[in-house]
Amino acid sequence: MKYLTICLIAIFAMSCEEPNKDVRFKLAPGLEENYVENELPDSLISGQSYLPIYSQIYSRTMGTKYLTTATISMRNVNLHDTIYINKINYFDSEGTNIRTYIKKAIYLKPMETKEIVIEYLDQEGGTGANFHFDWSCKETSNKPFFQAVMVTITGSFGLSFTTEGIDLK
């Protein structure tokens, strides 16, 4: 009984610690199988893309919000060339990087799509959440295509909409 009491006190004490406010790493299921094992070729061009998402949207007033489930799609639209995603960062409405999704570059085979899902109850991003991607591809390849689909259903009410990524300079 004495050992049980000590264990319970230790578990309670650990659960009361302040959460770490640093950027968290969160692996999206299915991405680790696409990690690049070797160095990327020097001949690739690099780019960056921005994708807005809405994990929450306002309804009627600023005091009323709907939560959404957001599916972020990373698409290789090339029929023959592989592309590479080097970084995936998730920012909240205030511009704070709250999550990083890959530890090293991943590849997308021709016509392959990988997704990240921001779940319905995940409110960290807020109404102005966004993603920033660093990517690489051959100069003659099409750039990756980034898209988000947001969905919410409450009772008989449903709402869905999409956003598309833009290339950054």
C-alpha atoms as a PDB file:
ATOM      1  CA  MET A   1       0.000   0.000   0.000  1.00  0.00           C
ATOM      2  CA  LYS A   2       2.897   2.321   0.827  1.00  0.00           C
ATOM      3  CA  TYR A   3       4.393   1.869  -2.674  1.00  0.00           C
ATOM      4  CA  LEU A   4       1.023   2.473  -4.305  1.00  0.00           C
ATOM      5  CA  THR A   5       0.644   5.766  -2.417  1.00  0.00           C
ATOM      6  CA  ILE A   6       4.145   6.896  -3.448  1.00  0.00           C
ATOM      7  CA  CYS A   7       3.425   6.022  -7.112  1.00  0.00           C
ATOM      8  CA  LEU A   8       0.129   7.916  -7.073  1.00  0.00           C
ATOM      9  CA  ILE A   9       1.774  11.001  -5.537  1.00  0.00           C
ATOM     10  CA  ALA A  10       4.544  10.881  -8.183  1.00  0.00           C
ATOM     11  CA  ILE A  11       2.029  10.570 -11.029  1.00  0.00           C
ATOM     12  CA  PHE A  12      -0.025  13.473  -9.649  1.00  0.00           C
ATOM     13  CA  ALA A  13       3.072  15.666  -9.274  1.00  0.00           C
ATOM     14  CA  MET A  14       4.175  14.989 -12.863  1.00  0.00           C
ATOM     15  CA  SER A  15       0.723  15.806 -14.225  1.00  0.00           C
ATOM     16  CA  CYS A  16       0.802  19.247 -12.576  1.00  0.00           C
ATOM     17  CA  GLU A  17       3.893  20.452 -14.466  1.00  0.00           C
ATOM     18  CA  GLU A  18       3.574  23.412 -16.832  1.00  0.00           C
ATOM     19  CA  PRO A  19       3.280  22.196 -20.455  1.00  0.00           C
ATOM     20  CA  ASN A  20       6.244  22.891 -22.730  1.00  0.00           C
ATOM     21  CA  LYS A  21       5.521  25.974 -24.868  1.00  0.00           C
ATOM     22  CA  ASP A  22       8.184  25.114 -27.473  1.00  0.00           C
ATOM     23  CA  VAL A  23       7.255  24.138 -31.013  1.00  0.00           C
ATOM     24  CA  ARG A  24       6.079  20.558 -30.963  1.00  0.00           C
ATOM     25  CA  PHE A  25       6.867  17.864 -33.454  1.00  0.00           C
ATOM     26  CA  LYS A  26       3.869  15.839 -34.588  1.00  0.00           C
ATOM     27  CA  LEU A  27       4.236  13.126 -37.174  1.00  0.00           C
ATOM     28  CA  ALA A  28       1.287  12.893 -39.515  1.00  0.00           C
ATOM     29  CA  PRO A  29       0.427   9.227 -40.174  1.00  0.00           C
ATOM     30  CA  GLY A  30       1.857   7.954 -43.448  1.00  0.00           C
ATOM     31  CA  LEU A  31       4.597  10.571 -43.853  1.00  0.00           C
ATOM     32  CA  GLU A  32       7.416   8.617 -42.208  1.00  0.00           C
ATOM     33  CA  GLU A  33       7.248   5.973 -44.923  1.00  0.00           C
ATOM     34  CA  ASN A  34       8.255   8.678 -47.429  1.00  0.00           C
ATOM     35  CA  TYR A  35      11.361   9.963 -45.614  1.00  0.00           C
ATOM     36  CA  VAL A  36      14.274  10.616 -47.977  1.00  0.00           C
ATOM     37  CA  GLU A  37      17.227   8.442 -46.936  1.00  0.00           C
ATOM     38  CA  ASN A  38      19.948  10.067 -49.102  1.00  0.00           C
ATOM     39  CA  GLU A  39      21.050  13.615 -49.891  1.00  0.00           C
ATOM     40  CA  LEU A  40      18.810  15.482 -52.338  1.00  0.00           C
ATOM     41  CA  PRO A  41      20.357  16.142 -55.765  1.00  0.00           C
ATOM     42  CA  ASP A  42      22.050  19.544 -56.162  1.00  0.00           C
ATOM     43  CA  SER A  43      20.210  20.108 -59.445  1.00  0.00           C
ATOM     44  CA  LEU A  44      16.830  20.711 -57.738  1.00  0.00           C
ATOM     45  CA  ILE A  45      15.218  24.120 -57.410  1.00  0.00           C
ATOM     46  CA  SER A  46      13.725  25.149 -54.077  1.00  0.00           C
ATOM     47  CA  GLY A  47      10.571  27.013 -53.248  1.00  0.00           C
ATOM     48  CA  GLN A  48       8.145  27.895 -50.488  1.00  0.00           C
ATOM     49  CA  SER A  49       4.367  27.818 -50.339  1.00  0.00           C
ATOM     50  CA  TYR A  50       1.777  29.260 -47.970  1.00  0.00           C
ATOM     51  CA  LEU A  51      -1.585  27.594 -47.257  1.00  0.00           C
ATOM     52  CA  PRO A  52      -4.311  29.239 -45.146  1.00  0.00           C
ATOM     53  CA  ILE A  53      -6.595  26.982 -43.147  1.00  0.00           C
ATOM     54  CA  TYR A  54      -9.484  27.636 -40.811  1.00  0.00           C
ATOM     55  CA  SER A  55      -9.646  25.357 -37.768  1.00  0.00           C
ATOM     56  CA  GLN A  56     -12.355  27.742 -36.511  1.00  0.00           C
ATOM     57  CA  ILE A  57     -14.717  30.072 -38.363  1.00  0.00           C
ATOM     58  CA  TYR A  58     -16.970  32.812 -37.061  1.00  0.00           C
ATOM     59  CA  SER A  59     -20.741  32.532 -37.243  1.00  0.00           C
ATOM     60  CA  ARG A  60     -23.097  35.506 -36.800  1.00  0.00           C
ATOM     61  CA  THR A  61     -20.772  37.301 -34.336  1.00  0.00           C
ATOM     62  CA  MET A  62     -17.146  37.213 -33.271  1.00  0.00           C
ATOM     63  CA  GLY A  63     -18.332  35.480 -30.106  1.00  0.00           C
ATOM     64  CA  THR A  64     -19.702  32.462 -31.951  1.00  0.00           C
ATOM     65  CA  LYS A  65     -17.343  30.066 -33.716  1.00  0.00           C
ATOM     66  CA  TYR A  66     -17.711  26.748 -35.469  1.00  0.00           C
ATOM     67  CA  LEU A  67     -14.874  24.258 -35.228  1.00  0.00           C
ATOM     68  CA  THR A  68     -13.804  22.507 -38.425  1.00  0.00           C
ATOM     69  CA  THR A  69     -11.849  19.443 -39.437  1.00  0.00           C
ATOM     70  CA  ALA A  70      -9.189  20.486 -41.934  1.00  0.00           C
ATOM     71  CA  THR A  71      -7.583  18.069 -44.394  1.00  0.00           C
ATOM     72  CA  ILE A  72      -4.340  19.427 -45.815  1.00  0.00           C
ATOM     73  CA  SER A  73      -3.342  17.778 -49.109  1.00  0.00           C
ATOM     74  CA  MET A  74       0.180  17.837 -50.495  1.00  0.00           C
ATOM     75  CA  ARG A  75      -0.006  16.753 -54.140  1.00  0.00           C
ATOM     76  CA  ASN A  76       2.586  15.863 -56.719  1.00  0.00           C
ATOM     77  CA  VAL A  77       0.895  16.731 -60.024  1.00  0.00           C
ATOM     78  CA  ASN A  78       3.764  15.393 -62.156  1.00  0.00           C
ATOM     79  CA  LEU A  79       3.257  12.260 -64.238  1.00  0.00           C
ATOM     80  CA  HIS A  80       6.951  11.275 -64.177  1.00  0.00           C
ATOM     81  CA  ASP A  81       8.945  13.300 -61.622  1.00  0.00           C
ATOM     82  CA  THR A  82       9.317  12.933 -57.860  1.00  0.00           C
ATOM     83  CA  ILE A  83       9.115  16.086 -55.715  1.00  0.00           C
ATOM     84  CA  TYR A  84      10.375  16.701 -52.184  1.00  0.00           C
ATOM     85  CA  ILE A  85       8.816  18.417 -49.181  1.00  0.00           C
ATOM     86  CA  ASN A  86      11.619  19.645 -46.903  1.00  0.00           C
ATOM     87  CA  LYS A  87       9.681  21.365 -44.096  1.00  0.00           C
ATOM     88  CA  ILE A  88       6.063  21.531 -42.938  1.00  0.00           C
ATOM     89  CA  ASN A  89       5.289  24.116 -40.254  1.00  0.00           C
ATOM     90  CA  TYR A  90       1.883  24.948 -38.752  1.00  0.00           C
ATOM     91  CA  PHE A  91       1.277  28.478 -37.426  1.00  0.00           C
ATOM     92  CA  ASP A  92      -1.536  29.893 -35.324  1.00  0.00           C
ATOM     93  CA  SER A  93      -3.456  33.150 -35.876  1.00  0.00           C
ATOM     94  CA  GLU A  94      -0.759  35.172 -34.086  1.00  0.00           C
ATOM     95  CA  GLY A  95       1.999  33.792 -36.342  1.00  0.00           C
ATOM     96  CA  THR A  96       3.498  31.472 -33.733  1.00  0.00           C
ATOM     97  CA  ASN A  97       4.919  28.222 -35.092  1.00  0.00           C
ATOM     98  CA  ILE A  98       3.011  25.668 -33.031  1.00  0.00           C
ATOM     99  CA  ARG A  99       3.838  22.438 -34.838  1.00  0.00           C
ATOM    100  CA  THR A 100       6.395  20.878 -37.181  1.00  0.00           C
ATOM    101  CA  TYR A 101       5.308  17.771 -39.071  1.00  0.00           C
ATOM    102  CA  ILE A 102       8.444  16.127 -40.499  1.00  0.00           C
ATOM    103  CA  LYS A 103      11.915  15.478 -39.102  1.00  0.00           C
ATOM    104  CA  LYS A 104      13.572  15.353 -42.525  1.00  0.00           C
ATOM    105  CA  ALA A 105      12.602  15.676 -46.182  1.00  0.00           C
ATOM    106  CA  ILE A 106       9.903  13.448 -47.625  1.00  0.00           C
ATOM    107  CA  TYR A 107       9.329  12.545 -51.255  1.00  0.00           C
ATOM    108  CA  LEU A 108       6.095  12.388 -53.218  1.00  0.00           C
ATOM    109  CA  LYS A 109       6.126   9.979 -56.140  1.00  0.00           C
ATOM    110  CA  PRO A 110       4.487  11.045 -59.412  1.00  0.00           C
ATOM    111  CA  MET A 111       0.772  11.729 -58.829  1.00  0.00           C
ATOM    112  CA  GLU A 112       1.060  10.856 -55.101  1.00  0.00           C
ATOM    113  CA  THR A 113      -0.889  12.729 -52.414  1.00  0.00           C
ATOM    114  CA  LYS A 114      -0.181  12.832 -48.677  1.00  0.00           C
ATOM    115  CA  GLU A 115      -2.459  14.408 -46.078  1.00  0.00           C
ATOM    116  CA  ILE A 116      -2.323  16.031 -42.672  1.00  0.00           C
ATOM    117  CA  VAL A 117      -5.548  16.294 -40.686  1.00  0.00           C
ATOM    118  CA  ILE A 118      -6.234  19.039 -38.151  1.00  0.00           C
ATOM    119  CA  GLU A 119      -8.892  17.349 -36.064  1.00  0.00           C
ATOM    120  CA  TYR A 120     -12.199  18.924 -35.111  1.00  0.00           C
ATOM    121  CA  LEU A 121     -11.315  19.557 -31.456  1.00  0.00           C
ATOM    122  CA  ASP A 122      -7.829  20.924 -32.239  1.00  0.00           C
ATOM    123  CA  GLN A 123      -8.372  24.663 -31.741  1.00  0.00           C
ATOM    124  CA  GLU A 124      -4.705  25.719 -31.429  1.00  0.00           C
ATOM    125  CA  GLY A 125      -4.499  27.304 -34.872  1.00  0.00           C
ATOM    126  CA  GLY A 126      -7.524  29.535 -34.432  1.00  0.00           C
ATOM    127  CA  THR A 127      -9.359  31.422 -37.157  1.00  0.00           C
ATOM    128  CA  GLY A 128      -6.165  32.490 -38.965  1.00  0.00           C
ATOM    129  CA  ALA A 129      -4.131  29.263 -38.938  1.00  0.00           C
ATOM    130  CA  ASN A 130      -1.754  28.535 -41.789  1.00  0.00           C
ATOM    131  CA  PHE A 131       0.911  26.207 -43.107  1.00  0.00           C
ATOM    132  CA  HIS A 132       4.311  27.017 -44.551  1.00  0.00           C
ATOM    133  CA  PHE A 133       6.025  24.454 -46.794  1.00  0.00           C
ATOM    134  CA  ASP A 134       9.601  24.314 -48.108  1.00  0.00           C
ATOM    135  CA  TRP A 135       9.916  22.071 -51.161  1.00  0.00           C
ATOM    136  CA  SER A 136      12.284  21.030 -53.955  1.00  0.00           C
ATOM    137  CA  CYS A 137      11.801  19.676 -57.466  1.00  0.00           C
ATOM    138  CA  LYS A 138      13.470  19.522 -60.870  1.00  0.00           C
ATOM    139  CA  GLU A 139      13.470  22.828 -62.731  1.00  0.00           C
ATOM    140  CA  THR A 140      11.357  21.232 -65.477  1.00  0.00           C
ATOM    141  CA  SER A 141       8.813  19.739 -63.031  1.00  0.00           C
ATOM    142  CA  ASN A 142       5.498  21.164 -61.928  1.00  0.00           C
ATOM    143  CA  LYS A 143       5.616  22.594 -58.418  1.00  0.00           C
ATOM    144  CA  PRO A 144       3.721  20.786 -55.653  1.00  0.00           C
ATOM    145  CA  PHE A 145       0.067  21.679 -55.183  1.00  0.00           C
ATOM    146  CA  PHE A 146      -1.186  22.373 -51.653  1.00  0.00           C
ATOM    147  CA  GLN A 147      -4.885  22.447 -50.826  1.00  0.00           C
ATOM    148  CA  ALA A 148      -7.036  22.344 -47.688  1.00  0.00           C
ATOM    149  CA  VAL A 149     -10.626  21.204 -47.264  1.00  0.00           C
ATOM    150  CA  MET A 150     -12.437  22.364 -44.125  1.00  0.00           C
ATOM    151  CA  VAL A 151     -15.622  20.612 -42.991  1.00  0.00           C
ATOM    152  CA  THR A 152     -17.996  21.051 -40.072  1.00  0.00           C
ATOM    153  CA  ILE A 153     -21.324  19.370 -39.334  1.00  0.00           C
ATOM    154  CA  THR A 154     -23.626  20.364 -36.490  1.00  0.00           C
ATOM    155  CA  GLY A 155     -27.039  18.716 -36.369  1.00  0.00           C
ATOM    156  CA  SER A 156     -28.562  19.134 -39.810  1.00  0.00           C
ATOM    157  CA  PHE A 157     -26.195  22.015 -40.678  1.00  0.00           C
ATOM    158  CA  GLY A 158     -23.081  21.279 -42.716  1.00  0.00           C
ATOM    159  CA  LEU A 159     -20.419  23.518 -44.164  1.00  0.00           C
ATOM    160  CA  SER A 160     -17.393  22.777 -46.325  1.00  0.00           C
ATOM    161  CA  PHE A 161     -14.951  24.918 -48.267  1.00  0.00           C
ATOM    162  CA  THR A 162     -11.444  24.800 -49.711  1.00  0.00           C
ATOM    163  CA  THR A 163      -8.329  26.936 -49.831  1.00  0.00           C
ATOM    164  CA  GLU A 164      -5.305  26.666 -52.113  1.00  0.00           C
ATOM    165  CA  GLY A 165      -1.649  27.315 -51.471  1.00  0.00           C
ATOM    166  CA  ILE A 166       0.272  30.145 -53.057  1.00  0.00           C
ATOM    167  CA  ASP A 167       3.957  30.204 -53.988  1.00  0.00           C
ATOM    168  CA  LEU A 168       6.156  32.599 -52.035  1.00  0.00           C
ATOM    169  CA  LYS A 169       9.178  34.500 -53.308  1.00  0.00           C
END
